[in-house]
Amino acid sequence: MAEITRDYKETVSNRLRQDPAFAAALLDEAISLFLNGEAVTARLILRDLVNTTVGFEKLALETDKPSKSLYRMLSAGGNPTMNNLTRIISVLRRNLNINIEVRSVPQHQQIT
């Protein structure tokens, strides 16, 4: 079996730094996951985005929340309030220089 030569997180971090469209797509995916009930995965994506783009220290300054609390909020077992989540997403959005638009699409009907 071949040995993995690069760490997954390192690979994602490098891509986030080099590709603003990838960062925007991950933020979009995190928001979609939240809206569709997949909060754990959404929080972990947001944590990776914060780590690589803004950093938890700057996020703490911009949200007026301790960095350790923010890190816990975005862990698998975290439970951020809607206000905190909104602040985090707002800081990411500003730092990534993107707007967020939400639209609804019909669910695919299951064939029975």
C-alpha atoms as a PDB file:
ATOM      1  CA  MET A   1       0.000   0.000   0.000  1.00  0.00           C
ATOM      2  CA  ALA A   2       1.361   3.415  -0.942  1.00  0.00           C
ATOM      3  CA  GLU A   3       2.162   5.811   1.833  1.00  0.00           C
ATOM      4  CA  ILE A   4       0.333   9.148   1.876  1.00  0.00           C
ATOM      5  CA  THR A   5       2.894  11.840   1.238  1.00  0.00           C
ATOM      6  CA  ARG A   6       0.874  14.942   2.144  1.00  0.00           C
ATOM      7  CA  ASP A   7      -1.439  15.652   5.014  1.00  0.00           C
ATOM      8  CA  TYR A   8      -5.060  16.271   4.001  1.00  0.00           C
ATOM      9  CA  LYS A   9      -5.362  19.420   6.131  1.00  0.00           C
ATOM     10  CA  GLU A  10      -2.121  20.784   4.690  1.00  0.00           C
ATOM     11  CA  THR A  11      -3.387  20.163   1.164  1.00  0.00           C
ATOM     12  CA  VAL A  12      -6.707  21.911   1.854  1.00  0.00           C
ATOM     13  CA  SER A  13      -4.939  24.822   3.594  1.00  0.00           C
ATOM     14  CA  ASN A  14      -2.593  25.317   0.651  1.00  0.00           C
ATOM     15  CA  ARG A  15      -5.489  25.294  -1.789  1.00  0.00           C
ATOM     16  CA  LEU A  16      -7.461  27.779   0.351  1.00  0.00           C
ATOM     17  CA  ARG A  17      -4.510  30.172   0.367  1.00  0.00           C
ATOM     18  CA  GLN A  18      -3.991  29.902  -3.395  1.00  0.00           C
ATOM     19  CA  ASP A  19      -7.559  29.705  -4.674  1.00  0.00           C
ATOM     20  CA  PRO A  20     -10.125  32.300  -3.491  1.00  0.00           C
ATOM     21  CA  ALA A  21     -12.858  30.518  -5.473  1.00  0.00           C
ATOM     22  CA  PHE A  22     -12.190  27.331  -3.498  1.00  0.00           C
ATOM     23  CA  ALA A  23     -12.492  29.251  -0.219  1.00  0.00           C
ATOM     24  CA  ALA A  24     -15.769  30.797  -1.392  1.00  0.00           C
ATOM     25  CA  ALA A  25     -17.061  27.361  -2.427  1.00  0.00           C
ATOM     26  CA  LEU A  26     -16.226  25.907   0.995  1.00  0.00           C
ATOM     27  CA  LEU A  27     -18.055  28.743   2.757  1.00  0.00           C
ATOM     28  CA  ASP A  28     -21.028  28.151   0.455  1.00  0.00           C
ATOM     29  CA  GLU A  29     -20.901  24.436   1.251  1.00  0.00           C
ATOM     30  CA  ALA A  30     -20.742  25.062   5.009  1.00  0.00           C
ATOM     31  CA  ILE A  31     -23.791  27.327   4.868  1.00  0.00           C
ATOM     32  CA  SER A  32     -25.697  24.815   2.725  1.00  0.00           C
ATOM     33  CA  LEU A  33     -24.824  22.041   5.175  1.00  0.00           C
ATOM     34  CA  PHE A  34     -26.128  24.100   8.107  1.00  0.00           C
ATOM     35  CA  LEU A  35     -29.358  24.826   6.304  1.00  0.00           C
ATOM     36  CA  ASN A  36     -29.789  21.144   5.479  1.00  0.00           C
ATOM     37  CA  GLY A  37     -29.211  19.827   9.006  1.00  0.00           C
ATOM     38  CA  GLU A  38     -25.553  18.759   8.699  1.00  0.00           C
ATOM     39  CA  ALA A  39     -24.227  21.011  11.472  1.00  0.00           C
ATOM     40  CA  VAL A  40     -21.202  18.928  12.512  1.00  0.00           C
ATOM     41  CA  THR A  41     -19.660  18.887   9.039  1.00  0.00           C
ATOM     42  CA  ALA A  42     -20.507  22.566   8.541  1.00  0.00           C
ATOM     43  CA  ARG A  43     -18.728  23.540  11.773  1.00  0.00           C
ATOM     44  CA  LEU A  44     -15.618  21.566  10.813  1.00  0.00           C
ATOM     45  CA  ILE A  45     -15.484  23.228   7.398  1.00  0.00           C
ATOM     46  CA  LEU A  46     -15.855  26.645   9.031  1.00  0.00           C
ATOM     47  CA  ARG A  47     -13.048  25.774  11.453  1.00  0.00           C
ATOM     48  CA  ASP A  48     -10.729  24.886   8.557  1.00  0.00           C
ATOM     49  CA  LEU A  49     -11.689  28.108   6.771  1.00  0.00           C
ATOM     50  CA  VAL A  50     -11.014  30.219   9.854  1.00  0.00           C
ATOM     51  CA  ASN A  51      -7.695  28.468  10.548  1.00  0.00           C
ATOM     52  CA  THR A  52      -6.413  29.088   7.048  1.00  0.00           C
ATOM     53  CA  THR A  53      -7.907  32.458   6.127  1.00  0.00           C
ATOM     54  CA  VAL A  54      -8.699  34.704   9.092  1.00  0.00           C
ATOM     55  CA  GLY A  55      -7.143  32.878  12.018  1.00  0.00           C
ATOM     56  CA  PHE A  56      -8.796  32.450  15.387  1.00  0.00           C
ATOM     57  CA  GLU A  57      -6.992  35.406  16.992  1.00  0.00           C
ATOM     58  CA  LYS A  58      -8.272  37.861  14.378  1.00  0.00           C
ATOM     59  CA  LEU A  59     -11.722  36.241  14.478  1.00  0.00           C
ATOM     60  CA  ALA A  60     -11.704  36.753  18.262  1.00  0.00           C
ATOM     61  CA  LEU A  61     -10.968  40.451  17.806  1.00  0.00           C
ATOM     62  CA  GLU A  62     -13.644  40.889  15.161  1.00  0.00           C
ATOM     63  CA  THR A  63     -16.340  38.981  17.076  1.00  0.00           C
ATOM     64  CA  ASP A  64     -15.355  40.095  20.572  1.00  0.00           C
ATOM     65  CA  LYS A  65     -15.242  36.435  21.652  1.00  0.00           C
ATOM     66  CA  PRO A  66     -12.283  34.514  23.110  1.00  0.00           C
ATOM     67  CA  SER A  67     -10.400  32.519  20.469  1.00  0.00           C
ATOM     68  CA  LYS A  68     -10.612  29.316  22.530  1.00  0.00           C
ATOM     69  CA  SER A  69     -14.392  29.677  22.757  1.00  0.00           C
ATOM     70  CA  LEU A  70     -14.611  30.195  19.007  1.00  0.00           C
ATOM     71  CA  TYR A  71     -12.465  27.128  18.396  1.00  0.00           C
ATOM     72  CA  ARG A  72     -14.744  25.048  20.642  1.00  0.00           C
ATOM     73  CA  MET A  73     -17.834  26.424  18.890  1.00  0.00           C
ATOM     74  CA  LEU A  74     -16.478  25.178  15.571  1.00  0.00           C
ATOM     75  CA  SER A  75     -15.492  21.729  16.832  1.00  0.00           C
ATOM     76  CA  ALA A  76     -17.489  18.569  16.102  1.00  0.00           C
ATOM     77  CA  GLY A  77     -19.224  18.862  19.484  1.00  0.00           C
ATOM     78  CA  GLY A  78     -19.559  22.645  19.413  1.00  0.00           C
ATOM     79  CA  ASN A  79     -22.875  24.398  19.726  1.00  0.00           C
ATOM     80  CA  PRO A  80     -22.593  28.037  18.616  1.00  0.00           C
ATOM     81  CA  THR A  81     -25.587  30.287  19.090  1.00  0.00           C
ATOM     82  CA  MET A  82     -27.174  31.725  15.978  1.00  0.00           C
ATOM     83  CA  ASN A  83     -25.706  35.126  16.887  1.00  0.00           C
ATOM     84  CA  ASN A  84     -22.186  33.693  17.148  1.00  0.00           C
ATOM     85  CA  LEU A  85     -22.568  31.699  13.956  1.00  0.00           C
ATOM     86  CA  THR A  86     -23.795  34.796  12.124  1.00  0.00           C
ATOM     87  CA  ARG A  87     -20.807  36.793  13.368  1.00  0.00           C
ATOM     88  CA  ILE A  88     -18.354  34.091  12.301  1.00  0.00           C
ATOM     89  CA  ILE A  89     -19.848  33.803   8.824  1.00  0.00           C
ATOM     90  CA  SER A  90     -19.949  37.587   8.487  1.00  0.00           C
ATOM     91  CA  VAL A  91     -16.235  37.884   9.325  1.00  0.00           C
ATOM     92  CA  LEU A  92     -15.363  35.120   6.863  1.00  0.00           C
ATOM     93  CA  ARG A  93     -17.506  36.706   4.172  1.00  0.00           C
ATOM     94  CA  ARG A  94     -15.834  40.102   4.609  1.00  0.00           C
ATOM     95  CA  ASN A  95     -12.336  38.628   4.698  1.00  0.00           C
ATOM     96  CA  LEU A  96     -12.958  36.493   1.625  1.00  0.00           C
ATOM     97  CA  ASN A  97     -14.598  39.483  -0.075  1.00  0.00           C
ATOM     98  CA  ILE A  98     -17.711  37.583  -1.148  1.00  0.00           C
ATOM     99  CA  ASN A  99     -21.457  38.079  -0.935  1.00  0.00           C
ATOM    100  CA  ILE A 100     -23.818  35.311   0.015  1.00  0.00           C
ATOM    101  CA  GLU A 101     -27.080  34.713  -1.791  1.00  0.00           C
ATOM    102  CA  VAL A 102     -29.515  32.015  -0.754  1.00  0.00           C
ATOM    103  CA  ARG A 103     -32.088  30.489  -3.055  1.00  0.00           C
ATOM    104  CA  SER A 104     -34.494  27.620  -2.710  1.00  0.00           C
ATOM    105  CA  VAL A 105     -34.708  24.744  -5.132  1.00  0.00           C
ATOM    106  CA  PRO A 106     -37.358  22.039  -5.233  1.00  0.00           C
ATOM    107  CA  GLN A 107     -36.423  18.677  -3.800  1.00  0.00           C
ATOM    108  CA  HIS A 108     -36.131  15.823  -6.229  1.00  0.00           C
ATOM    109  CA  GLN A 109     -39.235  13.679  -6.024  1.00  0.00           C
ATOM    110  CA  GLN A 110     -38.601  10.072  -5.202  1.00  0.00           C
ATOM    111  CA  ILE A 111     -40.008   7.535  -7.624  1.00  0.00           C
ATOM    112  CA  THR A 112     -41.974   4.863  -5.829  1.00  0.00           C
END
